[in-house]
Amino acid sequence: MRDLVNSRGSVNLFTRPRRFGKSLNMNMLKSFFEIGTEPSLFDGLEISKDMASS
């Protein structure tokens, strides 16, 4: 996740087999970056630690 956020490519391709959590991961990223999302939703998770130190 850290590499994805830091590289900020214009296009990112996620290849995984069917039913392997691609949509779930995209929904999580959308919630993380959306303005107005409850910040406590990600408290205690690695992603919140990485973004707090940036």
C-alpha atoms as a PDB file:
ATOM      1  CA  MET A   1       0.000   0.000   0.000  1.00  0.00           C
ATOM      2  CA  ARG A   2       2.819   2.371   0.850  1.00  0.00           C
ATOM      3  CA  ASP A   3       4.291   1.936  -2.641  1.00  0.00           C
ATOM      4  CA  LEU A   4       0.925   2.605  -4.277  1.00  0.00           C
ATOM      5  CA  VAL A   5       0.403   5.846  -2.372  1.00  0.00           C
ATOM      6  CA  ASN A   6       3.978   7.074  -2.814  1.00  0.00           C
ATOM      7  CA  SER A   7       4.313   6.271  -6.533  1.00  0.00           C
ATOM      8  CA  ARG A   8       1.004   7.887  -7.560  1.00  0.00           C
ATOM      9  CA  GLY A   9       0.992   6.441 -11.058  1.00  0.00           C
ATOM     10  CA  SER A  10      -1.488   7.765 -13.575  1.00  0.00           C
ATOM     11  CA  VAL A  11      -2.750   4.189 -14.009  1.00  0.00           C
ATOM     12  CA  ASN A  12      -2.434   1.293 -11.572  1.00  0.00           C
ATOM     13  CA  LEU A  13      -3.261  -2.255 -12.618  1.00  0.00           C
ATOM     14  CA  PHE A  14      -4.332  -4.797 -10.006  1.00  0.00           C
ATOM     15  CA  THR A  15      -4.184  -8.312 -11.361  1.00  0.00           C
ATOM     16  CA  ARG A  16      -5.577 -11.084  -9.200  1.00  0.00           C
ATOM     17  CA  PRO A  17      -7.664 -14.186  -9.816  1.00  0.00           C
ATOM     18  CA  ARG A  18     -11.443 -13.969  -9.686  1.00  0.00           C
ATOM     19  CA  ARG A  19     -12.961 -13.518  -6.235  1.00  0.00           C
ATOM     20  CA  PHE A  20      -9.629 -12.451  -4.729  1.00  0.00           C
ATOM     21  CA  GLY A  21     -10.693  -9.130  -3.166  1.00  0.00           C
ATOM     22  CA  LYS A  22      -9.966  -6.604  -5.934  1.00  0.00           C
ATOM     23  CA  SER A  23     -13.260  -4.754  -5.496  1.00  0.00           C
ATOM     24  CA  LEU A  24     -12.998  -4.831  -1.717  1.00  0.00           C
ATOM     25  CA  ASN A  25      -9.503  -3.321  -1.928  1.00  0.00           C
ATOM     26  CA  MET A  26     -10.664  -0.587  -4.319  1.00  0.00           C
ATOM     27  CA  ASN A  27     -13.609   0.264  -2.052  1.00  0.00           C
ATOM     28  CA  MET A  28     -11.255   0.516   0.927  1.00  0.00           C
ATOM     29  CA  LEU A  29      -8.925   2.847  -0.995  1.00  0.00           C
ATOM     30  CA  LYS A  30     -11.872   4.980  -2.106  1.00  0.00           C
ATOM     31  CA  SER A  31     -13.044   5.311   1.506  1.00  0.00           C
ATOM     32  CA  PHE A  32      -9.531   6.160   2.673  1.00  0.00           C
ATOM     33  CA  PHE A  33      -8.998   8.983   0.168  1.00  0.00           C
ATOM     34  CA  GLU A  34     -12.541  10.369   0.039  1.00  0.00           C
ATOM     35  CA  ILE A  35     -13.105  13.758   1.620  1.00  0.00           C
ATOM     36  CA  GLY A  36     -15.594  13.532   4.466  1.00  0.00           C
ATOM     37  CA  THR A  37     -14.807   9.942   5.446  1.00  0.00           C
ATOM     38  CA  GLU A  38     -14.782   9.295   9.182  1.00  0.00           C
ATOM     39  CA  PRO A  39     -11.035   9.295  10.088  1.00  0.00           C
ATOM     40  CA  SER A  40     -11.544   6.854  12.969  1.00  0.00           C
ATOM     41  CA  LEU A  41     -12.553   4.174  10.446  1.00  0.00           C
ATOM     42  CA  PHE A  42      -8.862   3.404   9.877  1.00  0.00           C
ATOM     43  CA  ASP A  43      -7.552   3.966  13.434  1.00  0.00           C
ATOM     44  CA  GLY A  44      -5.085   1.329  14.517  1.00  0.00           C
ATOM     45  CA  LEU A  45      -4.491   0.054  10.994  1.00  0.00           C
ATOM     46  CA  GLU A  46      -1.120   0.131   9.221  1.00  0.00           C
ATOM     47  CA  ILE A  47      -2.446   2.493   6.542  1.00  0.00           C
ATOM     48  CA  SER A  48      -3.260   5.173   9.121  1.00  0.00           C
ATOM     49  CA  LYS A  49       0.223   4.882  10.637  1.00  0.00           C
ATOM     50  CA  ASP A  50       1.846   5.327   7.216  1.00  0.00           C
ATOM     51  CA  MET A  51      -0.219   8.382   6.330  1.00  0.00           C
ATOM     52  CA  ALA A  52       0.240  10.019   9.736  1.00  0.00           C
ATOM     53  CA  SER A  53       4.010   9.881   9.364  1.00  0.00           C
ATOM     54  CA  SER A  54       3.949  11.409   5.849  1.00  0.00           C
END
